[in-house]
Amino acid sequence: MQDAITIETDLFEHREVKPHFINPCCFGEDFAIWLRGELSRLAGEGFSLSEPIQEDYGWGLWASHGKDPFWIALSYVGDGPQEEPAQWVVSVNYEAGLNLVKRLFHKPNREAFAVLCERIWQAIRSNPAIRTIED
């Protein structure tokens, strides 16, 4: 279960490599913080959100609904700082982890997944500084 969107924006930092980055393309910390704030109202619908987590491709955060963990990944498209508007891929995936039984037999809540994706896409599309790129 996954969904993704590609966007372009200068709204989030993509020029200055920070000392705590794993590599020179780990941009998206401010993007993850912004998105977490945009999704904060999901708590009223049974979701809990983690703090942003750095990955080697950018940043992400967990959105859990009951026993269903969903990973929201904010992937920077590029090999390092760039001046042009940065491109990002925002993806949402159900992640069962290493639990083989859960991977094989658990059916994640499709309604919760749809609500999460819709809220993310709504936050992105409602911001005039963010342009979606159609595939």
N, C-alpha and C. Protein backbone atom coordinates (compact mmCIF):
# COMPACT_ATOMS: atom_id res chain seq x y z
N MET A 1 0.85 -1.15 0.00
CA MET A 1 0.00 0.00 0.00
C MET A 1 0.91 1.23 0.00
N GLN A 2 0.86 1.98 -1.10
CA GLN A 2 1.69 3.17 -1.19
C GLN A 2 1.09 4.18 -2.15
N ASP A 3 1.49 5.43 -2.00
CA ASP A 3 1.07 6.52 -2.87
C ASP A 3 2.19 7.54 -2.87
N ALA A 4 2.33 8.30 -3.95
CA ALA A 4 3.41 9.28 -4.03
C ALA A 4 3.02 10.44 -4.94
N ILE A 5 3.70 11.55 -4.73
CA ILE A 5 3.51 12.75 -5.54
C ILE A 5 4.87 13.43 -5.68
N THR A 6 5.12 14.02 -6.84
CA THR A 6 6.35 14.78 -7.06
C THR A 6 5.98 16.26 -7.07
N ILE A 7 6.79 17.05 -6.37
CA ILE A 7 6.52 18.48 -6.28
C ILE A 7 7.78 19.27 -6.57
N GLU A 8 7.58 20.58 -6.79
CA GLU A 8 8.69 21.49 -6.99
C GLU A 8 8.40 22.74 -6.15
N THR A 9 9.41 23.17 -5.36
CA THR A 9 9.22 24.35 -4.53
C THR A 9 10.57 24.87 -4.03
N ASP A 10 10.61 26.17 -3.79
CA ASP A 10 11.75 26.80 -3.13
C ASP A 10 11.41 27.10 -1.68
N LEU A 11 10.27 26.64 -1.23
CA LEU A 11 9.79 26.92 0.12
C LEU A 11 10.69 26.31 1.20
N PHE A 12 11.32 25.19 0.90
CA PHE A 12 12.12 24.48 1.89
C PHE A 12 13.59 24.51 1.50
N GLU A 13 14.45 24.50 2.51
CA GLU A 13 15.89 24.62 2.30
C GLU A 13 16.43 23.50 1.41
N HIS A 14 17.20 23.91 0.39
CA HIS A 14 17.83 22.93 -0.50
C HIS A 14 19.17 23.45 -1.03
N ARG A 15 19.74 24.41 -0.32
CA ARG A 15 21.01 24.98 -0.76
C ARG A 15 22.15 24.83 0.25
N GLU A 16 21.83 24.87 1.53
CA GLU A 16 22.86 24.83 2.56
C GLU A 16 22.93 23.46 3.22
N VAL A 17 24.06 22.79 3.07
CA VAL A 17 24.27 21.49 3.68
C VAL A 17 24.57 21.73 5.17
N LYS A 18 23.76 21.16 6.04
CA LYS A 18 23.90 21.34 7.49
C LYS A 18 24.92 20.34 8.04
N PRO A 19 25.58 20.69 9.14
CA PRO A 19 26.61 19.81 9.72
C PRO A 19 26.07 18.45 10.17
N HIS A 20 24.79 18.36 10.50
CA HIS A 20 24.24 17.09 10.99
C HIS A 20 23.69 16.19 9.87
N PHE A 21 23.83 16.60 8.61
CA PHE A 21 23.34 15.78 7.50
C PHE A 21 24.17 14.51 7.36
N ILE A 22 23.52 13.42 7.04
CA ILE A 22 24.20 12.15 6.77
C ILE A 22 25.04 12.26 5.50
N ASN A 23 24.51 12.97 4.50
CA ASN A 23 25.22 13.20 3.24
C ASN A 23 24.76 14.54 2.67
N PRO A 24 25.36 15.00 1.58
CA PRO A 24 25.03 16.34 1.06
C PRO A 24 23.64 16.49 0.45
N CYS A 25 22.82 15.46 0.43
CA CYS A 25 21.46 15.61 -0.11
C CYS A 25 20.37 15.31 0.91
N CYS A 26 20.66 15.49 2.16
CA CYS A 26 19.66 15.21 3.21
C CYS A 26 18.80 16.42 3.53
N PHE A 27 18.39 17.13 2.51
CA PHE A 27 17.51 18.27 2.72
C PHE A 27 16.11 17.78 3.07
N GLY A 28 15.33 18.66 3.64
CA GLY A 28 13.94 18.34 3.92
C GLY A 28 13.56 18.39 5.39
N GLU A 29 14.49 18.74 6.26
CA GLU A 29 14.16 18.81 7.69
C GLU A 29 13.04 19.82 7.93
N ASP A 30 13.16 21.01 7.34
CA ASP A 30 12.12 22.02 7.51
C ASP A 30 10.82 21.61 6.82
N PHE A 31 10.92 20.87 5.73
CA PHE A 31 9.75 20.34 5.04
C PHE A 31 9.00 19.37 5.96
N ALA A 32 9.75 18.47 6.60
CA ALA A 32 9.14 17.49 7.50
C ALA A 32 8.47 18.18 8.70
N ILE A 33 9.12 19.20 9.24
CA ILE A 33 8.53 19.94 10.36
C ILE A 33 7.25 20.64 9.91
N TRP A 34 7.29 21.26 8.74
CA TRP A 34 6.10 21.93 8.19
C TRP A 34 4.95 20.93 8.00
N LEU A 35 5.26 19.79 7.36
CA LEU A 35 4.22 18.80 7.08
C LEU A 35 3.65 18.23 8.38
N ARG A 36 4.49 17.98 9.35
CA ARG A 36 4.01 17.48 10.65
C ARG A 36 3.01 18.46 11.25
N GLY A 37 3.31 19.75 11.16
CA GLY A 37 2.38 20.77 11.66
C GLY A 37 1.07 20.76 10.89
N GLU A 38 1.16 20.60 9.58
CA GLU A 38 -0.04 20.55 8.75
C GLU A 38 -0.92 19.35 9.08
N LEU A 39 -0.29 18.27 9.53
CA LEU A 39 -1.02 17.03 9.83
C LEU A 39 -1.42 16.91 11.29
N SER A 40 -1.10 17.88 12.10
CA SER A 40 -1.33 17.77 13.55
C SER A 40 -2.80 17.53 13.91
N ARG A 41 -3.73 17.99 13.10
CA ARG A 41 -5.15 17.78 13.38
C ARG A 41 -5.59 16.32 13.21
N LEU A 42 -4.73 15.50 12.62
CA LEU A 42 -5.05 14.08 12.48
C LEU A 42 -5.11 13.36 13.82
N ALA A 43 -4.57 13.97 14.87
CA ALA A 43 -4.64 13.35 16.20
C ALA A 43 -6.09 13.12 16.61
N GLY A 44 -6.97 14.00 16.19
CA GLY A 44 -8.39 13.85 16.48
C GLY A 44 -9.04 12.69 15.74
N GLU A 45 -8.33 12.13 14.77
CA GLU A 45 -8.84 10.99 14.00
C GLU A 45 -8.07 9.72 14.31
N GLY A 46 -7.36 9.72 15.44
CA GLY A 46 -6.69 8.51 15.89
C GLY A 46 -5.27 8.32 15.42
N PHE A 47 -4.67 9.32 14.80
CA PHE A 47 -3.29 9.22 14.33
C PHE A 47 -2.34 9.78 15.37
N SER A 48 -1.15 9.22 15.44
CA SER A 48 -0.07 9.81 16.22
C SER A 48 1.10 9.99 15.26
N LEU A 49 1.79 11.11 15.39
CA LEU A 49 2.89 11.45 14.49
C LEU A 49 4.20 11.47 15.26
N SER A 50 5.23 10.93 14.64
CA SER A 50 6.56 10.97 15.25
C SER A 50 7.21 12.32 14.96
N GLU A 51 8.33 12.54 15.60
CA GLU A 51 9.18 13.67 15.24
C GLU A 51 9.83 13.32 13.89
N PRO A 52 10.24 14.32 13.11
CA PRO A 52 10.94 14.04 11.85
C PRO A 52 12.23 13.24 12.09
N ILE A 53 12.52 12.37 11.13
CA ILE A 53 13.69 11.49 11.20
C ILE A 53 14.50 11.66 9.92
N GLN A 54 15.81 11.83 10.06
CA GLN A 54 16.68 11.97 8.90
C GLN A 54 16.96 10.60 8.28
N GLU A 55 16.91 10.55 6.97
CA GLU A 55 17.27 9.36 6.21
C GLU A 55 18.34 9.76 5.20
N ASP A 56 18.93 8.82 4.50
CA ASP A 56 19.98 9.18 3.55
C ASP A 56 19.44 9.86 2.29
N TYR A 57 18.13 9.83 2.07
CA TYR A 57 17.51 10.44 0.89
C TYR A 57 16.78 11.74 1.24
N GLY A 58 16.67 12.08 2.50
CA GLY A 58 15.91 13.25 2.94
C GLY A 58 15.42 13.04 4.36
N TRP A 59 14.14 13.25 4.58
CA TRP A 59 13.54 13.14 5.91
C TRP A 59 12.22 12.41 5.82
N GLY A 60 11.72 11.98 6.97
CA GLY A 60 10.43 11.32 7.01
C GLY A 60 9.86 11.36 8.41
N LEU A 61 8.66 10.85 8.54
CA LEU A 61 8.04 10.73 9.85
C LEU A 61 7.01 9.61 9.81
N TRP A 62 6.78 9.05 10.99
CA TRP A 62 5.80 7.99 11.14
C TRP A 62 4.44 8.60 11.47
N ALA A 63 3.41 8.05 10.85
CA ALA A 63 2.03 8.38 11.18
C ALA A 63 1.37 7.04 11.51
N SER A 64 1.10 6.81 12.79
CA SER A 64 0.51 5.54 13.21
C SER A 64 -0.97 5.72 13.48
N HIS A 65 -1.72 4.73 13.07
CA HIS A 65 -3.16 4.70 13.33
C HIS A 65 -3.48 3.32 13.90
N GLY A 66 -3.70 3.27 15.20
CA GLY A 66 -3.88 1.98 15.85
C GLY A 66 -2.61 1.17 15.70
N LYS A 67 -2.73 -0.05 15.15
CA LYS A 67 -1.57 -0.92 14.95
C LYS A 67 -0.93 -0.74 13.58
N ASP A 68 -1.41 0.23 12.82
CA ASP A 68 -0.91 0.43 11.46
C ASP A 68 0.09 1.59 11.38
N PRO A 69 1.37 1.28 11.14
CA PRO A 69 2.37 2.34 10.96
C PRO A 69 2.51 2.71 9.48
N PHE A 70 2.43 4.00 9.20
CA PHE A 70 2.61 4.50 7.85
C PHE A 70 3.84 5.40 7.84
N TRP A 71 4.69 5.23 6.85
CA TRP A 71 5.90 6.02 6.73
C TRP A 71 5.68 7.10 5.66
N ILE A 72 5.90 8.35 6.05
CA ILE A 72 5.81 9.48 5.12
C ILE A 72 7.25 9.88 4.81
N ALA A 73 7.67 9.68 3.56
CA ALA A 73 9.04 9.98 3.15
C ALA A 73 9.06 11.25 2.31
N LEU A 74 10.00 12.13 2.62
CA LEU A 74 10.21 13.36 1.86
C LEU A 74 11.58 13.25 1.21
N SER A 75 11.59 12.86 -0.03
CA SER A 75 12.83 12.56 -0.73
C SER A 75 13.24 13.73 -1.60
N TYR A 76 14.43 14.25 -1.35
CA TYR A 76 15.00 15.32 -2.15
C TYR A 76 15.51 14.73 -3.45
N VAL A 77 15.16 15.34 -4.58
CA VAL A 77 15.61 14.86 -5.89
C VAL A 77 16.83 15.69 -6.28
N GLY A 78 17.99 15.11 -6.16
CA GLY A 78 19.23 15.80 -6.50
C GLY A 78 20.40 15.20 -5.76
N ASP A 79 21.59 15.59 -6.19
CA ASP A 79 22.81 15.07 -5.58
C ASP A 79 23.46 16.04 -4.62
N GLY A 80 22.85 17.17 -4.40
CA GLY A 80 23.41 18.16 -3.50
C GLY A 80 22.70 19.48 -3.67
N PRO A 81 23.25 20.55 -3.13
CA PRO A 81 22.60 21.85 -3.22
C PRO A 81 22.33 22.25 -4.68
N GLN A 82 21.23 22.96 -4.89
CA GLN A 82 20.90 23.45 -6.22
C GLN A 82 20.16 24.77 -6.11
N GLU A 83 20.31 25.59 -7.11
CA GLU A 83 19.68 26.91 -7.12
C GLU A 83 18.27 26.89 -7.69
N GLU A 84 18.03 26.01 -8.62
CA GLU A 84 16.71 25.92 -9.23
C GLU A 84 15.69 25.52 -8.18
N PRO A 85 14.40 25.73 -8.43
CA PRO A 85 13.43 25.19 -7.46
C PRO A 85 13.66 23.69 -7.28
N ALA A 86 13.76 23.29 -6.05
CA ALA A 86 14.05 21.88 -5.74
C ALA A 86 12.84 21.00 -6.05
N GLN A 87 13.13 19.79 -6.45
CA GLN A 87 12.08 18.79 -6.63
C GLN A 87 12.15 17.81 -5.48
N TRP A 88 10.99 17.35 -5.07
CA TRP A 88 10.84 16.42 -3.96
C TRP A 88 9.83 15.36 -4.36
N VAL A 89 10.00 14.17 -3.84
CA VAL A 89 8.99 13.12 -3.95
C VAL A 89 8.47 12.88 -2.53
N VAL A 90 7.17 13.01 -2.39
CA VAL A 90 6.51 12.75 -1.12
C VAL A 90 5.78 11.43 -1.28
N SER A 91 6.13 10.46 -0.45
CA SER A 91 5.48 9.16 -0.56
C SER A 91 4.96 8.71 0.79
N VAL A 92 3.90 7.92 0.73
CA VAL A 92 3.29 7.35 1.93
C VAL A 92 3.20 5.85 1.71
N ASN A 93 3.73 5.10 2.68
CA ASN A 93 3.76 3.64 2.58
C ASN A 93 3.30 3.01 3.88
N TYR A 94 2.55 1.92 3.76
CA TYR A 94 2.29 1.09 4.94
C TYR A 94 3.56 0.31 5.20
N GLU A 95 4.02 0.28 6.44
CA GLU A 95 5.27 -0.39 6.77
C GLU A 95 5.06 -1.36 7.92
N ALA A 96 5.05 -2.66 7.60
CA ALA A 96 4.83 -3.68 8.62
C ALA A 96 6.09 -3.98 9.44
N GLY A 97 7.23 -3.46 9.00
CA GLY A 97 8.46 -3.72 9.74
C GLY A 97 8.98 -5.13 9.49
N LEU A 98 9.70 -5.65 10.46
CA LEU A 98 10.31 -6.97 10.32
C LEU A 98 9.40 -8.11 10.76
N ASN A 99 8.22 -7.81 11.22
CA ASN A 99 7.30 -8.82 11.70
C ASN A 99 6.72 -9.60 10.50
N LEU A 100 7.22 -10.82 10.29
CA LEU A 100 6.81 -11.63 9.15
C LEU A 100 5.32 -11.97 9.18
N VAL A 101 4.80 -12.30 10.35
CA VAL A 101 3.37 -12.62 10.47
C VAL A 101 2.53 -11.41 10.06
N LYS A 102 2.91 -10.24 10.53
CA LYS A 102 2.18 -9.02 10.19
C LYS A 102 2.30 -8.74 8.70
N ARG A 103 3.48 -8.94 8.14
CA ARG A 103 3.67 -8.72 6.70
C ARG A 103 2.79 -9.64 5.86
N LEU A 104 2.62 -10.87 6.30
CA LEU A 104 1.87 -11.84 5.51
C LEU A 104 0.37 -11.80 5.75
N PHE A 105 -0.06 -11.53 6.97
CA PHE A 105 -1.46 -11.72 7.30
C PHE A 105 -2.23 -10.47 7.71
N HIS A 106 -1.55 -9.43 8.11
CA HIS A 106 -2.25 -8.23 8.58
C HIS A 106 -2.72 -7.38 7.40
N LYS A 107 -3.95 -6.98 7.43
CA LYS A 107 -4.50 -6.08 6.42
C LYS A 107 -4.59 -4.69 7.03
N PRO A 108 -3.77 -3.74 6.55
CA PRO A 108 -3.82 -2.40 7.12
C PRO A 108 -5.15 -1.72 6.81
N ASN A 109 -5.48 -0.75 7.63
CA ASN A 109 -6.72 0.00 7.50
C ASN A 109 -6.63 0.90 6.27
N ARG A 110 -7.32 0.51 5.21
CA ARG A 110 -7.28 1.27 3.95
C ARG A 110 -7.91 2.65 4.10
N GLU A 111 -8.92 2.76 4.94
CA GLU A 111 -9.57 4.05 5.17
C GLU A 111 -8.60 5.02 5.85
N ALA A 112 -7.86 4.54 6.84
CA ALA A 112 -6.87 5.38 7.52
C ALA A 112 -5.79 5.82 6.54
N PHE A 113 -5.34 4.90 5.69
CA PHE A 113 -4.34 5.23 4.68
C PHE A 113 -4.86 6.31 3.74
N ALA A 114 -6.10 6.16 3.29
CA ALA A 114 -6.70 7.14 2.38
C ALA A 114 -6.83 8.51 3.04
N VAL A 115 -7.24 8.54 4.31
CA VAL A 115 -7.36 9.81 5.03
C VAL A 115 -6.00 10.48 5.14
N LEU A 116 -4.98 9.72 5.50
CA LEU A 116 -3.63 10.26 5.64
C LEU A 116 -3.14 10.84 4.32
N CYS A 117 -3.27 10.08 3.25
CA CYS A 117 -2.83 10.56 1.94
C CYS A 117 -3.59 11.82 1.53
N GLU A 118 -4.88 11.81 1.72
CA GLU A 118 -5.70 12.97 1.33
C GLU A 118 -5.27 14.22 2.09
N ARG A 119 -4.99 14.10 3.38
CA ARG A 119 -4.56 15.25 4.17
C ARG A 119 -3.19 15.77 3.71
N ILE A 120 -2.30 14.86 3.37
CA ILE A 120 -0.99 15.27 2.88
C ILE A 120 -1.13 15.99 1.55
N TRP A 121 -1.85 15.40 0.62
CA TRP A 121 -2.00 16.00 -0.71
C TRP A 121 -2.73 17.34 -0.61
N GLN A 122 -3.70 17.42 0.29
CA GLN A 122 -4.44 18.67 0.49
C GLN A 122 -3.51 19.77 1.01
N ALA A 123 -2.66 19.46 1.98
CA ALA A 123 -1.71 20.44 2.52
C ALA A 123 -0.76 20.92 1.42
N ILE A 124 -0.30 20.01 0.61
CA ILE A 124 0.64 20.36 -0.45
C ILE A 124 -0.05 21.19 -1.53
N ARG A 125 -1.19 20.73 -1.99
CA ARG A 125 -1.87 21.42 -3.10
C ARG A 125 -2.47 22.75 -2.70
N SER A 126 -2.73 22.95 -1.42
CA SER A 126 -3.33 24.22 -1.00
C SER A 126 -2.29 25.32 -0.79
N ASN A 127 -1.00 24.98 -0.88
CA ASN A 127 0.05 25.96 -0.69
C ASN A 127 0.49 26.48 -2.07
N PRO A 128 0.28 27.76 -2.35
CA PRO A 128 0.62 28.29 -3.68
C PRO A 128 2.12 28.29 -3.99
N ALA A 129 2.97 28.12 -2.98
CA ALA A 129 4.42 28.08 -3.21
C ALA A 129 4.90 26.68 -3.61
N ILE A 130 3.98 25.73 -3.68
CA ILE A 130 4.32 24.35 -4.04
C ILE A 130 3.59 23.98 -5.32
N ARG A 131 4.34 23.50 -6.30
CA ARG A 131 3.74 23.09 -7.58
C ARG A 131 3.86 21.58 -7.73
N THR A 132 2.77 20.92 -8.01
CA THR A 132 2.83 19.48 -8.25
C THR A 132 3.28 19.24 -9.69
N ILE A 133 4.05 18.19 -9.87
CA ILE A 133 4.54 17.81 -11.18
C ILE A 133 3.79 16.55 -11.59
N GLU A 134 3.05 16.65 -12.65
CA GLU A 134 2.28 15.51 -13.13
C GLU A 134 3.18 14.57 -13.91
N ASP A 135 3.05 13.28 -13.62
CA ASP A 135 3.86 12.27 -14.32
C ASP A 135 3.24 11.92 -15.64
